[in-house]
Protein backbone atom coordinates (compact mmCIF):
# COMPACT_ATOMS: atom_id res chain seq x y z
CA MET A 1 100.49 138.65 126.92
CA LYS A 2 99.68 140.95 124.05
CA LYS A 3 98.66 139.11 120.88
CA ASN A 4 100.85 140.46 118.10
CA LYS A 5 100.53 140.03 114.34
CA TYR A 6 102.82 136.96 114.30
CA TYR A 7 100.77 135.18 116.92
CA LEU A 8 97.57 135.94 115.06
CA PHE A 9 99.00 134.84 111.69
CA PHE A 10 100.58 131.56 112.84
CA ARG A 11 97.57 130.73 114.97
CA ARG A 12 95.68 130.09 111.73
CA PHE A 13 98.06 127.20 111.02
CA SER A 14 97.92 125.68 114.50
CA ASP A 15 94.49 124.11 114.20
CA PRO A 16 94.72 120.49 112.93
CA LEU A 17 91.59 120.80 110.77
CA ARG A 18 92.77 124.00 109.11
CA MET A 19 96.19 122.44 108.50
CA GLU A 20 94.56 119.39 106.85
CA ILE A 21 92.55 121.73 104.62
CA ILE A 22 95.74 123.58 103.64
CA LEU A 23 97.53 120.32 102.81
CA LEU A 24 94.61 119.05 100.71
CA LEU A 25 94.32 122.33 98.82
CA LYS A 26 98.07 122.26 98.25
CA LYS A 27 97.44 119.26 95.98
CA LYS A 28 94.47 120.71 94.09
CA PRO A 29 91.45 123.03 94.41
CA MET A 30 88.37 121.39 95.93
CA SER A 31 84.72 122.07 96.61
CA VAL A 32 83.32 122.00 100.14
CA MET A 33 81.66 118.66 99.36
CA LYS A 34 84.96 117.05 98.25
CA LEU A 35 86.84 118.48 101.23
CA SER A 36 84.11 117.23 103.55
CA LYS A 37 84.32 113.72 102.12
CA HIS A 38 88.14 113.65 102.36
CA LEU A 39 88.16 114.94 105.93
CA LYS A 40 85.06 113.00 107.01
CA ILE A 41 83.52 115.95 108.84
CA GLU A 42 80.25 117.77 108.54
CA GLN A 43 80.06 120.69 106.15
CA SER A 44 79.17 123.24 108.84
CA LYS A 45 82.41 122.58 110.77
CA LEU A 46 84.39 122.68 107.52
CA SER A 47 82.71 125.92 106.43
CA HIS A 48 83.70 127.57 109.72
CA ALA A 49 87.36 126.55 109.26
CA LEU A 50 87.32 127.71 105.63
CA ALA A 51 85.85 131.07 106.65
CA ILE A 52 88.76 131.65 109.03
CA LEU A 53 91.30 130.74 106.35
CA LYS A 54 89.51 132.86 103.76
CA HIS A 55 89.31 135.87 106.06
CA CYS A 56 93.12 135.78 106.38
CA LYS A 57 93.52 135.20 102.63
CA ILE A 58 95.19 131.82 103.17
CA VAL A 59 92.56 130.38 100.84
CA TYR A 60 90.18 131.95 98.35
CA SER A 61 87.14 130.67 96.54
CA GLU A 62 85.38 130.91 93.21
CA ILE A 63 81.88 129.89 92.25
CA LYS A 64 81.91 127.35 89.43
CA GLY A 65 78.40 126.47 88.39
CA LYS A 66 76.57 125.53 91.59
CA LYS A 67 79.74 124.78 93.55
CA ARG A 68 82.10 126.96 95.53
CA VAL A 69 85.65 125.80 94.84
CA TYR A 70 88.46 126.63 97.28
CA TYR A 71 92.04 127.32 96.28
CA LEU A 72 95.17 127.69 98.36
CA ASN A 73 96.89 131.06 98.23
CA LYS A 74 100.11 129.45 97.05
CA ASN A 75 102.06 132.73 96.95
CA ILE A 76 101.78 132.97 100.73
CA VAL A 77 101.48 129.39 101.95
CA LEU A 78 103.92 127.40 99.81
CA PRO A 79 107.00 129.42 100.86
CA LEU A 80 106.02 128.89 104.51
CA LEU A 81 105.59 125.15 104.05
CA LYS A 82 108.94 124.93 102.25
CA LEU A 83 110.60 126.85 105.06
CA VAL A 84 109.20 124.41 107.63
CA ASP A 85 110.32 121.42 105.53
CA LYS A 86 113.82 122.88 105.24
CA TYR A 87 113.99 123.66 108.96
CA GLU A 88 112.78 120.21 109.95
CA LYS A 89 115.24 118.46 107.65
CA LYS A 90 118.19 120.48 108.95
CA ASN A 91 117.34 120.96 112.62
CA CYS A 92 115.01 118.18 113.63
CA PRO A 93 115.94 114.90 111.93
CA ILE A 94 114.47 112.95 114.83
CA CYS A 95 111.10 114.57 114.18
CA LEU A 96 111.01 113.14 110.68
CA ALA A 97 110.02 109.83 112.22
CA MET A 98 107.70 111.74 114.60
CA LYS A 99 108.55 109.37 117.44
CA HIS A 100 110.38 111.96 119.50
CA CYS A 101 107.72 114.63 118.91
CA ARG A 102 104.95 112.31 120.07
CA LYS A 103 106.81 111.72 123.32
CA ILE A 104 107.21 115.46 123.85
CA ASN A 105 103.54 116.17 123.06
CA ARG A 106 102.34 113.64 125.63
CA LYS A 107 103.98 115.52 128.52
């Protein structure tokens, strides 16, 4: 199977760690140290995930003093998250409770 641009783009959102980073940055910008504490993972693993997101311009960073602060690219990501929320609400009401989805994922 040829990997097209859609596969490559949405693949960035398929990793649970990267998705957690996106959801945290949706709330507010954070430094690597704060993200690491929230996610309870080592900074090297977090830095790797952030590098992937940054390369695709899903997040960007600024240096503030001695810290690198990460921001979500809200122009790109928020419309996607809203689209998923709208789809789920309309087409997958059972998934809202996540019970049905857990059963499917176990198979």
